[in-house]
Amino acid sequence: MMTSHPRSSSVDLDSPDRPFDNIINFRDVGRSINRLMGKNKVLALAASGYRNDAVIIVGEQVMSPRGLIGLGLDTLDSSTAEMKEIFELFASQNDSADRTYPALVHCTQGKDRTGLVVLMLLLLTGVVSDEAMTADYVRSEPELVVEVEERMKEIRKLGLSEDYTKCPDGFTTEIRRHLQERYGGVDGYLRFVGVEKKKLDVIREALVA
């Protein structure tokens, strides 16, 4: 069970000065990458003007060995502030006078960061079978075929393979296992990152009503 403290977000969801309060930066896996390979080498290359070399090193030595599933687990552990912000936004939207449900969740390919958030929402309901969640996730892969070549141009620059355009079969299973073993389940994880139980109940009620 996880006992350390999650990161705090400096963003105030209730601030009137946020014109784009539904847009959340959800890329914070840098801490995991630094931990896995040592940040000094990458920073030295980047500072010396070898940014492309630094990017390839990260891709080949960290991202590729970790795979999409490993990076998904790292995202859960590293992006705690962003996860808190996302789920508090779901709760605040439902609790306001002018609800904005249904909500759009998206990322570059619509399967990795999006997959994590949607999977946790489904787990939060407690009524969707494991088989249904897995089938729903892998269904995204054939929909991405039309832009595989364009994505591969970007992926090759990172020193990664075509695997990063796919939806690995074990993704949902391993994410569920990680949530259960490290945090006691999706409720435990979201409570750990700082989302209050009453807000989780608000989200759950909106999803299963």
C-alpha atoms as a PDB file:
ATOM      1  CA  MET A   1       0.000   0.000   0.000  1.00  0.00           C
ATOM      2  CA  MET A   2       1.314   3.447  -0.944  1.00  0.00           C
ATOM      3  CA  THR A   3       2.180   5.670   2.026  1.00  0.00           C
ATOM      4  CA  SER A   4       4.214   8.554   0.548  1.00  0.00           C
ATOM      5  CA  HIS A   5       2.601  11.879  -0.244  1.00  0.00           C
ATOM      6  CA  PRO A   6       1.398  12.824  -3.740  1.00  0.00           C
ATOM      7  CA  ARG A   7       2.471  16.017  -5.475  1.00  0.00           C
ATOM      8  CA  SER A   8       0.304  19.076  -5.118  1.00  0.00           C
ATOM      9  CA  SER A   9      -0.961  21.057  -8.075  1.00  0.00           C
ATOM     10  CA  SER A  10      -0.438  24.812  -8.099  1.00  0.00           C
ATOM     11  CA  VAL A  11      -3.594  25.257 -10.181  1.00  0.00           C
ATOM     12  CA  ASP A  12      -6.763  26.464  -8.470  1.00  0.00           C
ATOM     13  CA  LEU A  13      -9.815  24.853 -10.068  1.00  0.00           C
ATOM     14  CA  ASP A  14     -12.117  27.469  -8.551  1.00  0.00           C
ATOM     15  CA  SER A  15     -10.134  30.488  -9.733  1.00  0.00           C
ATOM     16  CA  PRO A  16     -12.127  32.911 -11.948  1.00  0.00           C
ATOM     17  CA  ASP A  17      -8.898  33.690 -13.814  1.00  0.00           C
ATOM     18  CA  ARG A  18      -8.742  30.312 -15.590  1.00  0.00           C
ATOM     19  CA  PRO A  19     -10.194  30.750 -19.105  1.00  0.00           C
ATOM     20  CA  PHE A  20      -9.273  27.184 -20.055  1.00  0.00           C
ATOM     21  CA  ASP A  21     -10.018  25.327 -16.838  1.00  0.00           C
ATOM     22  CA  ASN A  22     -10.979  22.148 -18.686  1.00  0.00           C
ATOM     23  CA  ILE A  23      -7.542  21.781 -20.277  1.00  0.00           C
ATOM     24  CA  ILE A  24      -5.148  19.833 -18.082  1.00  0.00           C
ATOM     25  CA  ASN A  25      -1.495  19.122 -18.842  1.00  0.00           C
ATOM     26  CA  PHE A  26      -1.136  15.385 -18.341  1.00  0.00           C
ATOM     27  CA  ARG A  27       2.433  14.580 -19.378  1.00  0.00           C
ATOM     28  CA  ASP A  28       4.248  14.584 -16.066  1.00  0.00           C
ATOM     29  CA  VAL A  29       6.260  11.359 -16.239  1.00  0.00           C
ATOM     30  CA  GLY A  30       9.612  13.144 -16.218  1.00  0.00           C
ATOM     31  CA  ARG A  31      10.318  12.175 -12.613  1.00  0.00           C
ATOM     32  CA  SER A  32      10.069   8.503 -13.491  1.00  0.00           C
ATOM     33  CA  ILE A  33      12.317   8.932 -16.514  1.00  0.00           C
ATOM     34  CA  ASN A  34      14.928  10.774 -14.458  1.00  0.00           C
ATOM     35  CA  ARG A  35      14.793   8.104 -11.792  1.00  0.00           C
ATOM     36  CA  LEU A  36      15.193   5.272 -14.280  1.00  0.00           C
ATOM     37  CA  MET A  37      18.180   6.609 -16.208  1.00  0.00           C
ATOM     38  CA  GLY A  38      19.687   9.479 -14.254  1.00  0.00           C
ATOM     39  CA  LYS A  39      18.839  13.014 -15.292  1.00  0.00           C
ATOM     40  CA  ASN A  40      22.381  14.413 -15.464  1.00  0.00           C
ATOM     41  CA  LYS A  41      23.280  12.707 -18.743  1.00  0.00           C
ATOM     42  CA  VAL A  42      20.133  13.889 -20.485  1.00  0.00           C
ATOM     43  CA  LEU A  43      20.400  17.421 -19.083  1.00  0.00           C
ATOM     44  CA  ALA A  44      24.049  17.660 -20.113  1.00  0.00           C
ATOM     45  CA  LEU A  45      23.246  16.667 -23.682  1.00  0.00           C
ATOM     46  CA  ALA A  46      20.291  19.041 -23.870  1.00  0.00           C
ATOM     47  CA  ALA A  47      22.316  21.913 -22.408  1.00  0.00           C
ATOM     48  CA  SER A  48      25.097  21.259 -24.925  1.00  0.00           C
ATOM     49  CA  GLY A  49      22.735  21.626 -27.845  1.00  0.00           C
ATOM     50  CA  TYR A  50      22.228  17.912 -28.448  1.00  0.00           C
ATOM     51  CA  ARG A  51      18.518  17.909 -27.757  1.00  0.00           C
ATOM     52  CA  ASN A  52      17.757  15.267 -30.392  1.00  0.00           C
ATOM     53  CA  ASP A  53      20.380  12.974 -28.897  1.00  0.00           C
ATOM     54  CA  ALA A  54      18.851  13.459 -25.455  1.00  0.00           C
ATOM     55  CA  VAL A  55      15.386  12.660 -26.809  1.00  0.00           C
ATOM     56  CA  ILE A  56      16.630   9.477 -28.502  1.00  0.00           C
ATOM     57  CA  ILE A  57      18.424   8.354 -25.333  1.00  0.00           C
ATOM     58  CA  VAL A  58      15.215   8.757 -23.342  1.00  0.00           C
ATOM     59  CA  GLY A  59      13.271   6.884 -26.014  1.00  0.00           C
ATOM     60  CA  GLU A  60      15.697   4.008 -26.473  1.00  0.00           C
ATOM     61  CA  GLN A  61      16.910   3.548 -22.896  1.00  0.00           C
ATOM     62  CA  VAL A  62      13.774   4.326 -20.895  1.00  0.00           C
ATOM     63  CA  MET A  63      10.547   4.500 -22.871  1.00  0.00           C
ATOM     64  CA  SER A  64      11.187   1.533 -25.145  1.00  0.00           C
ATOM     65  CA  PRO A  65      12.157  -0.917 -22.356  1.00  0.00           C
ATOM     66  CA  ARG A  66       9.259   0.258 -20.176  1.00  0.00           C
ATOM     67  CA  GLY A  67       6.739  -0.108 -22.977  1.00  0.00           C
ATOM     68  CA  LEU A  68       3.293   1.466 -23.038  1.00  0.00           C
ATOM     69  CA  ILE A  69       2.144  -0.501 -20.012  1.00  0.00           C
ATOM     70  CA  GLY A  70       5.178   0.515 -17.963  1.00  0.00           C
ATOM     71  CA  LEU A  71       4.729   4.144 -18.922  1.00  0.00           C
ATOM     72  CA  GLY A  72       1.077   3.897 -17.951  1.00  0.00           C
ATOM     73  CA  LEU A  73       2.077   2.719 -14.489  1.00  0.00           C
ATOM     74  CA  ASP A  74       4.670   5.496 -14.264  1.00  0.00           C
ATOM     75  CA  THR A  75       2.032   8.040 -15.240  1.00  0.00           C
ATOM     76  CA  LEU A  76      -0.229   6.903 -12.409  1.00  0.00           C
ATOM     77  CA  ASP A  77       2.577   7.253  -9.884  1.00  0.00           C
ATOM     78  CA  SER A  78       4.031  10.514 -11.245  1.00  0.00           C
ATOM     79  CA  SER A  79       0.984  12.492 -12.391  1.00  0.00           C
ATOM     80  CA  THR A  80      -0.819  12.569  -9.062  1.00  0.00           C
ATOM     81  CA  ALA A  81      -1.495  16.314  -9.149  1.00  0.00           C
ATOM     82  CA  GLU A  82      -2.943  16.089 -12.646  1.00  0.00           C
ATOM     83  CA  MET A  83      -5.088  13.080 -11.747  1.00  0.00           C
ATOM     84  CA  LYS A  84      -6.457  14.944  -8.755  1.00  0.00           C
ATOM     85  CA  GLU A  85      -7.266  17.941 -10.928  1.00  0.00           C
ATOM     86  CA  ILE A  86      -8.997  15.803 -13.564  1.00  0.00           C
ATOM     87  CA  PHE A  87     -11.251  13.975 -11.127  1.00  0.00           C
ATOM     88  CA  GLU A  88     -12.053  17.087  -9.115  1.00  0.00           C
ATOM     89  CA  LEU A  89     -13.089  18.675 -12.396  1.00  0.00           C
ATOM     90  CA  PHE A  90     -15.422  15.748 -13.086  1.00  0.00           C
ATOM     91  CA  ALA A  91     -16.921  16.224  -9.620  1.00  0.00           C
ATOM     92  CA  SER A  92     -17.239  20.011  -9.852  1.00  0.00           C
ATOM     93  CA  GLN A  93     -18.902  19.833 -13.270  1.00  0.00           C
ATOM     94  CA  ASN A  94     -21.553  17.504 -11.945  1.00  0.00           C
ATOM     95  CA  ASP A  95     -22.074  19.581  -8.817  1.00  0.00           C
ATOM     96  CA  SER A  96     -22.568  22.901 -10.607  1.00  0.00           C
ATOM     97  CA  ALA A  97     -25.830  24.424 -11.773  1.00  0.00           C
ATOM     98  CA  ASP A  98     -24.819  24.215 -15.447  1.00  0.00           C
ATOM     99  CA  ARG A  99     -23.428  20.715 -15.815  1.00  0.00           C
ATOM    100  CA  THR A 100     -21.039  20.126 -18.690  1.00  0.00           C
ATOM    101  CA  TYR A 101     -21.481  16.363 -18.936  1.00  0.00           C
ATOM    102  CA  PRO A 102     -20.870  14.589 -21.206  1.00  0.00           C
ATOM    103  CA  ALA A 103     -17.160  15.427 -20.983  1.00  0.00           C
ATOM    104  CA  LEU A 104     -14.485  14.948 -23.642  1.00  0.00           C
ATOM    105  CA  VAL A 105     -11.273  13.199 -22.569  1.00  0.00           C
ATOM    106  CA  HIS A 106      -8.530  13.132 -25.178  1.00  0.00           C
ATOM    107  CA  CYS A 107      -4.783  13.012 -25.805  1.00  0.00           C
ATOM    108  CA  THR A 108      -2.520  12.661 -28.849  1.00  0.00           C
ATOM    109  CA  GLN A 109      -3.696   9.188 -29.874  1.00  0.00           C
ATOM    110  CA  GLY A 110      -6.717   8.844 -27.618  1.00  0.00           C
ATOM    111  CA  LYS A 111      -5.611   5.580 -26.025  1.00  0.00           C
ATOM    112  CA  ASP A 112      -2.794   6.048 -23.501  1.00  0.00           C
ATOM    113  CA  ARG A 113      -3.459   8.987 -21.161  1.00  0.00           C
ATOM    114  CA  THR A 114      -7.079   8.918 -22.272  1.00  0.00           C
ATOM    115  CA  GLY A 115      -7.133   5.175 -21.665  1.00  0.00           C
ATOM    116  CA  LEU A 116      -5.926   5.643 -18.095  1.00  0.00           C
ATOM    117  CA  VAL A 117      -8.565   8.220 -17.217  1.00  0.00           C
ATOM    118  CA  VAL A 118     -11.441   6.368 -18.866  1.00  0.00           C
ATOM    119  CA  LEU A 119     -10.363   3.071 -17.300  1.00  0.00           C
ATOM    120  CA  MET A 120     -10.392   4.658 -13.846  1.00  0.00           C
ATOM    121  CA  LEU A 121     -13.822   6.137 -14.478  1.00  0.00           C
ATOM    122  CA  LEU A 122     -15.124   2.698 -15.461  1.00  0.00           C
ATOM    123  CA  LEU A 123     -13.492   1.115 -12.414  1.00  0.00           C
ATOM    124  CA  LEU A 124     -15.032   3.804 -10.234  1.00  0.00           C
ATOM    125  CA  THR A 125     -18.527   2.756 -11.300  1.00  0.00           C
ATOM    126  CA  GLY A 126     -17.963  -0.765  -9.990  1.00  0.00           C
ATOM    127  CA  VAL A 127     -20.416  -2.175 -12.541  1.00  0.00           C
ATOM    128  CA  VAL A 128     -18.308  -2.694 -15.691  1.00  0.00           C
ATOM    129  CA  SER A 129     -16.733  -6.131 -16.163  1.00  0.00           C
ATOM    130  CA  ASP A 130     -12.996  -6.592 -16.690  1.00  0.00           C
ATOM    131  CA  GLU A 131     -13.707  -8.199 -20.057  1.00  0.00           C
ATOM    132  CA  ALA A 132     -15.769  -5.223 -21.219  1.00  0.00           C
ATOM    133  CA  MET A 133     -13.086  -2.731 -20.189  1.00  0.00           C
ATOM    134  CA  THR A 134     -10.381  -4.673 -22.009  1.00  0.00           C
ATOM    135  CA  ALA A 135     -12.506  -5.047 -25.146  1.00  0.00           C
ATOM    136  CA  ASP A 136     -13.338  -1.340 -25.127  1.00  0.00           C
ATOM    137  CA  TYR A 137      -9.668  -0.368 -24.825  1.00  0.00           C
ATOM    138  CA  VAL A 138      -8.309  -2.583 -27.634  1.00  0.00           C
ATOM    139  CA  ARG A 139     -11.119  -1.391 -29.911  1.00  0.00           C
ATOM    140  CA  SER A 140      -9.234   1.892 -30.276  1.00  0.00           C
ATOM    141  CA  GLU A 141      -6.346   0.302 -32.186  1.00  0.00           C
ATOM    142  CA  PRO A 142      -7.998  -0.269 -35.593  1.00  0.00           C
ATOM    143  CA  GLU A 143      -9.372   3.274 -35.465  1.00  0.00           C
ATOM    144  CA  LEU A 144      -5.793   4.591 -35.449  1.00  0.00           C
ATOM    145  CA  VAL A 145      -4.692   2.798 -38.623  1.00  0.00           C
ATOM    146  CA  VAL A 146      -5.480   5.767 -40.858  1.00  0.00           C
ATOM    147  CA  GLU A 147      -2.835   7.899 -39.150  1.00  0.00           C
ATOM    148  CA  VAL A 148      -0.205   5.272 -38.304  1.00  0.00           C
ATOM    149  CA  GLU A 149       2.311   6.533 -40.859  1.00  0.00           C
ATOM    150  CA  GLU A 150       2.052  10.104 -39.609  1.00  0.00           C
ATOM    151  CA  ARG A 151       2.443   8.982 -36.000  1.00  0.00           C
ATOM    152  CA  MET A 152       5.384   6.746 -36.917  1.00  0.00           C
ATOM    153  CA  LYS A 153       7.333   9.775 -38.151  1.00  0.00           C
ATOM    154  CA  GLU A 154       7.127  11.228 -34.649  1.00  0.00           C
ATOM    155  CA  ILE A 155       7.672   7.902 -32.910  1.00  0.00           C
ATOM    156  CA  ARG A 156      10.819   7.058 -34.895  1.00  0.00           C
ATOM    157  CA  LYS A 157      12.327  10.390 -33.865  1.00  0.00           C
ATOM    158  CA  LEU A 158      12.046   9.157 -30.283  1.00  0.00           C
ATOM    159  CA  GLY A 159      13.817   5.905 -31.085  1.00  0.00           C
ATOM    160  CA  LEU A 160      10.625   3.926 -30.502  1.00  0.00           C
ATOM    161  CA  SER A 161       8.943   1.116 -32.408  1.00  0.00           C
ATOM    162  CA  GLU A 162       5.511   0.670 -33.955  1.00  0.00           C
ATOM    163  CA  ASP A 163       4.365  -0.875 -30.666  1.00  0.00           C
ATOM    164  CA  TYR A 164       3.709   2.672 -29.462  1.00  0.00           C
ATOM    165  CA  THR A 165       0.877   3.013 -31.981  1.00  0.00           C
ATOM    166  CA  LYS A 166      -0.929  -0.045 -30.612  1.00  0.00           C
ATOM    167  CA  CYS A 167      -3.201  -0.943 -27.694  1.00  0.00           C
ATOM    168  CA  PRO A 168      -1.415  -3.755 -25.810  1.00  0.00           C
ATOM    169  CA  ASP A 169      -3.704  -6.550 -24.614  1.00  0.00           C
ATOM    170  CA  GLY A 170      -2.453  -6.472 -21.028  1.00  0.00           C
ATOM    171  CA  PHE A 171      -2.827  -2.726 -20.508  1.00  0.00           C
ATOM    172  CA  THR A 172      -6.104  -2.687 -18.588  1.00  0.00           C
ATOM    173  CA  THR A 173      -5.206  -5.800 -16.577  1.00  0.00           C
ATOM    174  CA  GLU A 174      -1.855  -4.408 -15.436  1.00  0.00           C
ATOM    175  CA  ILE A 175      -3.274  -0.986 -14.614  1.00  0.00           C
ATOM    176  CA  ARG A 176      -5.984  -2.605 -12.461  1.00  0.00           C
ATOM    177  CA  ARG A 177      -3.416  -4.841 -10.778  1.00  0.00           C
ATOM    178  CA  HIS A 178      -1.132  -1.881 -10.024  1.00  0.00           C
ATOM    179  CA  LEU A 179      -3.986   0.182  -8.606  1.00  0.00           C
ATOM    180  CA  GLN A 180      -5.071  -2.704  -6.403  1.00  0.00           C
ATOM    181  CA  GLU A 181      -1.646  -3.780  -5.157  1.00  0.00           C
ATOM    182  CA  ARG A 182      -0.173  -0.344  -4.556  1.00  0.00           C
ATOM    183  CA  TYR A 183      -3.173   1.766  -3.586  1.00  0.00           C
ATOM    184  CA  GLY A 184      -5.938  -0.663  -2.643  1.00  0.00           C
ATOM    185  CA  GLY A 185      -7.939  -0.038  -5.823  1.00  0.00           C
ATOM    186  CA  VAL A 186      -9.092   2.966  -7.820  1.00  0.00           C
ATOM    187  CA  ASP A 187     -10.858   4.553  -4.827  1.00  0.00           C
ATOM    188  CA  GLY A 188      -7.691   4.178  -2.783  1.00  0.00           C
ATOM    189  CA  TYR A 189      -5.603   5.739  -5.524  1.00  0.00           C
ATOM    190  CA  LEU A 190      -7.880   8.731  -5.978  1.00  0.00           C
ATOM    191  CA  ARG A 191      -8.118   9.259  -2.221  1.00  0.00           C
ATOM    192  CA  PHE A 192      -4.299   9.044  -2.121  1.00  0.00           C
ATOM    193  CA  VAL A 193      -3.890  11.778  -4.735  1.00  0.00           C
ATOM    194  CA  GLY A 194      -6.241  13.988  -2.716  1.00  0.00           C
ATOM    195  CA  VAL A 195      -9.754  13.570  -4.102  1.00  0.00           C
ATOM    196  CA  GLU A 196     -12.305  13.553  -1.273  1.00  0.00           C
ATOM    197  CA  LYS A 197     -14.630  10.569  -0.911  1.00  0.00           C
ATOM    198  CA  LYS A 198     -17.728  12.734  -1.331  1.00  0.00           C
ATOM    199  CA  LYS A 199     -16.401  13.907  -4.702  1.00  0.00           C
ATOM    200  CA  LEU A 200     -15.831  10.324  -5.807  1.00  0.00           C
ATOM    201  CA  ASP A 201     -19.416   9.586  -4.807  1.00  0.00           C
ATOM    202  CA  VAL A 202     -20.610  12.540  -6.914  1.00  0.00           C
ATOM    203  CA  ILE A 203     -18.757  11.212  -9.976  1.00  0.00           C
ATOM    204  CA  ARG A 204     -19.977   7.671  -9.400  1.00  0.00           C
ATOM    205  CA  GLU A 205     -23.571   8.849  -9.062  1.00  0.00           C
ATOM    206  CA  ALA A 206     -23.333  10.771 -12.341  1.00  0.00           C
ATOM    207  CA  LEU A 207     -21.930   7.758 -14.193  1.00  0.00           C
ATOM    208  CA  VAL A 208     -24.346   5.103 -12.963  1.00  0.00           C
ATOM    209  CA  ALA A 209     -27.526   7.193 -12.758  1.00  0.00           C
END
